[in-house]
C-alpha atoms as a PDB file:
ATOM      1  CA  MET A   1     109.150  98.929 112.400  1.00  0.00           C
ATOM      2  CA  ALA A   2     106.094  99.756 110.255  1.00  0.00           C
ATOM      3  CA  LEU A   3     103.897  99.932 113.335  1.00  0.00           C
ATOM      4  CA  ARG A   4     106.332 102.364 114.959  1.00  0.00           C
ATOM      5  CA  TYR A   5     106.100 104.575 111.860  1.00  0.00           C
ATOM      6  CA  ALA A   6     102.310 104.346 112.043  1.00  0.00           C
ATOM      7  CA  GLN A   7     102.255 105.420 115.677  1.00  0.00           C
ATOM      8  CA  GLU A   8     104.619 108.308 114.965  1.00  0.00           C
ATOM      9  CA  ALA A   9     102.490 109.498 112.049  1.00  0.00           C
ATOM     10  CA  LEU A  10      99.359 109.278 114.204  1.00  0.00           C
ATOM     11  CA  GLU A  11     101.006 111.354 116.924  1.00  0.00           C
ATOM     12  CA  ALA A  12     102.019 113.936 114.313  1.00  0.00           C
ATOM     13  CA  ALA A  13      98.461 113.944 112.943  1.00  0.00           C
ATOM     14  CA  GLN A  14      97.102 114.670 116.408  1.00  0.00           C
ATOM     15  CA  VAL A  15      99.564 117.524 116.932  1.00  0.00           C
ATOM     16  CA  CYS A  16      98.584 118.993 113.563  1.00  0.00           C
ATOM     17  CA  LEU A  17      94.891 118.583 114.410  1.00  0.00           C
ATOM     18  CA  ASP A  18      95.402 120.403 117.706  1.00  0.00           C
ATOM     19  CA  ARG A  19      97.185 123.237 115.895  1.00  0.00           C
ATOM     20  CA  GLN A  20      94.521 123.385 113.145  1.00  0.00           C
ATOM     21  CA  LEU A  21      96.981 122.396 110.426  1.00  0.00           C
ATOM     22  CA  ASP A  22      94.262 120.708 108.389  1.00  0.00           C
ATOM     23  CA  ARG A  23      96.263 119.602 105.367  1.00  0.00           C
ATOM     24  CA  SER A  24      99.112 118.207 107.420  1.00  0.00           C
ATOM     25  CA  ALA A  25      96.824 116.427 109.890  1.00  0.00           C
ATOM     26  CA  THR A  26      95.042 114.672 107.046  1.00  0.00           C
ATOM     27  CA  SER A  27      98.276 113.678 105.348  1.00  0.00           C
ATOM     28  CA  ARG A  28      99.782 112.316 108.564  1.00  0.00           C
ATOM     29  CA  ALA A  29      96.536 110.433 109.350  1.00  0.00           C
ATOM     30  CA  TYR A  30      96.713 108.706 105.986  1.00  0.00           C
ATOM     31  CA  TYR A  31     100.346 107.737 106.469  1.00  0.00           C
ATOM     32  CA  ALA A  32      99.538 106.394 109.912  1.00  0.00           C
ATOM     33  CA  MET A  33      97.059 104.062 108.236  1.00  0.00           C
ATOM     34  CA  PHE A  34      99.439 103.370 105.348  1.00  0.00           C
ATOM     35  CA  TRP A  35     102.122 102.126 107.759  1.00  0.00           C
ATOM     36  CA  ALA A  36      99.687 100.248 109.994  1.00  0.00           C
ATOM     37  CA  ALA A  37      98.376  98.137 107.112  1.00  0.00           C
ATOM     38  CA  PRO A  38     101.687  96.385 106.281  1.00  0.00           C
ATOM     39  CA  ALA A  39     102.227  95.742 109.991  1.00  0.00           C
ATOM     40  CA  ALA A  40      98.860  93.985 110.101  1.00  0.00           C
ATOM     41  CA  LEU A  41      99.615  92.062 106.917  1.00  0.00           C
ATOM     42  CA  ALA A  42     103.027  91.033 108.260  1.00  0.00           C
ATOM     43  CA  SER A  43     101.363  89.646 111.373  1.00  0.00           C
ATOM     44  CA  VAL A  44      99.721  87.000 109.143  1.00  0.00           C
ATOM     45  CA  GLY A  45     102.860  86.359 107.080  1.00  0.00           C
ATOM     46  CA  ILE A  46     102.266  88.689 104.135  1.00  0.00           C
ATOM     47  CA  GLN A  47     105.310  90.873 103.582  1.00  0.00           C
ATOM     48  CA  ARG A  48     106.756  92.909 100.748  1.00  0.00           C
ATOM     49  CA  SER A  49     109.779  95.155 100.669  1.00  0.00           C
ATOM     50  CA  THR A  50     107.689  97.936  99.113  1.00  0.00           C
ATOM     51  CA  TRP A  51     103.972  98.602  98.759  1.00  0.00           C
ATOM     52  CA  SER A  52     102.119 100.824  96.332  1.00  0.00           C
ATOM     53  CA  HIS A  53      99.206 102.716  97.831  1.00  0.00           C
ATOM     54  CA  SER A  54      96.638 100.845  95.757  1.00  0.00           C
ATOM     55  CA  GLY A  55      98.360  97.468  96.199  1.00  0.00           C
ATOM     56  CA  LEU A  56      98.516  97.854  99.953  1.00  0.00           C
ATOM     57  CA  GLN A  57      94.878  98.873 100.161  1.00  0.00           C
ATOM     58  CA  ALA A  58      93.779  95.963  97.938  1.00  0.00           C
ATOM     59  CA  SER A  59      95.831  93.416  99.907  1.00  0.00           C
ATOM     60  CA  PHE A  60      94.632  94.708 103.261  1.00  0.00           C
ATOM     61  CA  VAL A  61      90.984  94.583 102.218  1.00  0.00           C
ATOM     62  CA  ALA A  62      91.185  91.242 100.410  1.00  0.00           C
ATOM     63  CA  GLU A  63      93.263  89.367 102.954  1.00  0.00           C
ATOM     64  CA  LEU A  64      92.483  90.863 106.350  1.00  0.00           C
ATOM     65  CA  ILE A  65      88.916  92.076 105.909  1.00  0.00           C
ATOM     66  CA  ARG A  66      87.252  89.814 103.358  1.00  0.00           C
ATOM     67  CA  ARG A  67      89.190  86.549 103.684  1.00  0.00           C
ATOM     68  CA  ARG A  68      90.295  86.391 107.317  1.00  0.00           C
ATOM     69  CA  LYS A  69      87.776  88.850 108.781  1.00  0.00           C
ATOM     70  CA  HIS A  70      90.373  90.259 111.197  1.00  0.00           C
ATOM     71  CA  TYR A  71      89.034  93.784 110.813  1.00  0.00           C
ATOM     72  CA  PRO A  72      85.630  95.307 110.057  1.00  0.00           C
ATOM     73  CA  ALA A  73      84.827  96.375 106.503  1.00  0.00           C
ATOM     74  CA  THR A  74      84.763  99.981 107.693  1.00  0.00           C
ATOM     75  CA  PHE A  75      88.574  99.854 108.035  1.00  0.00           C
ATOM     76  CA  GLY A  76      88.921  99.316 104.287  1.00  0.00           C
ATOM     77  CA  GLN A  77      86.432 102.086 103.628  1.00  0.00           C
ATOM     78  CA  HIS A  78      88.281 104.426 105.965  1.00  0.00           C
ATOM     79  CA  LEU A  79      91.653 103.628 104.378  1.00  0.00           C
ATOM     80  CA  HIS A  80      90.217 104.433 100.947  1.00  0.00           C
ATOM     81  CA  ARG A  81      88.484 107.613 102.163  1.00  0.00           C
ATOM     82  CA  VAL A  82      91.513 108.935 104.015  1.00  0.00           C
ATOM     83  CA  LEU A  83      93.674 108.366 100.932  1.00  0.00           C
ATOM     84  CA  GLN A  84      91.202 110.472  98.945  1.00  0.00           C
ATOM     85  CA  LEU A  85      91.253 113.157 101.639  1.00  0.00           C
ATOM     86  CA  ARG A  86      95.054 113.135 101.640  1.00  0.00           C
ATOM     87  CA  LEU A  87      95.085 113.684  97.894  1.00  0.00           C
ATOM     88  CA  ASP A  88      92.650 116.576  98.325  1.00  0.00           C
ATOM     89  CA  ALA A  89      94.742 118.022 101.153  1.00  0.00           C
ATOM     90  CA  ASP A  90      97.991 117.735  99.221  1.00  0.00           C
ATOM     91  CA  TYR A  91      96.902 118.644  95.710  1.00  0.00           C
ATOM     92  CA  ARG A  92      93.631 120.593  95.672  1.00  0.00           C
ATOM     93  CA  SER A  93      93.597 124.283  96.416  1.00  0.00           C
ATOM     94  CA  GLU A  94      90.502 124.026  98.624  1.00  0.00           C
ATOM     95  CA  GLY A  95      92.101 121.293 100.731  1.00  0.00           C
ATOM     96  CA  VAL A  96      89.934 119.602 103.372  1.00  0.00           C
ATOM     97  CA  SER A  97      87.531 120.828 106.000  1.00  0.00           C
ATOM     98  CA  HIS A  98      88.143 120.669 109.722  1.00  0.00           C
ATOM     99  CA  ARG A  99      85.392 118.054 109.974  1.00  0.00           C
ATOM    100  CA  GLN A 100      87.108 115.882 107.344  1.00  0.00           C
ATOM    101  CA  GLU A 101      90.486 116.308 109.011  1.00  0.00           C
ATOM    102  CA  THR A 102      89.047 115.339 112.394  1.00  0.00           C
ATOM    103  CA  ALA A 103      87.412 112.237 110.919  1.00  0.00           C
ATOM    104  CA  ALA A 104      90.660 111.202 109.216  1.00  0.00           C
ATOM    105  CA  VAL A 105      92.618 111.402 112.468  1.00  0.00           C
ATOM    106  CA  ARG A 106      89.891 109.544 114.363  1.00  0.00           C
ATOM    107  CA  TRP A 107      89.772 106.752 111.762  1.00  0.00           C
ATOM    108  CA  ALA A 108      93.549 106.408 111.810  1.00  0.00           C
ATOM    109  CA  ALA A 109      93.534 106.167 115.607  1.00  0.00           C
ATOM    110  CA  GLU A 110      90.823 103.482 115.511  1.00  0.00           C
ATOM    111  CA  CYS A 111      92.721 101.512 112.900  1.00  0.00           C
ATOM    112  CA  ILE A 112      96.028 101.618 114.751  1.00  0.00           C
ATOM    113  CA  ALA A 113      94.422 100.776 118.086  1.00  0.00           C
ATOM    114  CA  ALA A 114      93.139  97.541 116.527  1.00  0.00           C
ATOM    115  CA  MET A 115      96.503  96.500 115.095  1.00  0.00           C
ATOM    116  CA  PRO A 116      98.618  93.715 116.585  1.00  0.00           C
ATOM    117  CA  ASP A 117     100.984  94.782 119.376  1.00  0.00           C
ATOM    118  CA  CYS A 118      99.186  98.070 120.048  1.00  0.00           C
END
């Protein structure tokens, strides 16, 4: 189910990107990555009923990047960066640039494409 949410959020991010809805595209890109990470963790037997943003990021990086080397280190960096961009998009008056928004959507798409069952 988490992977389905991730794919839906990525599709919404792309629609927002196409319509130049910068804040929304960035937010949806982050949530695409946020939902993809527990799907990847579940594929190796790590499940929780709820995840905090920081706990999910730490578990994904520690278990799937550093320990098992299932994903490149850039995925952890992108997850962290897109979270920061989402916070800027949602809470800072200047928001994010089109370049940042485009990168966030691209990184989310790369992350989800590498997930199990994609």
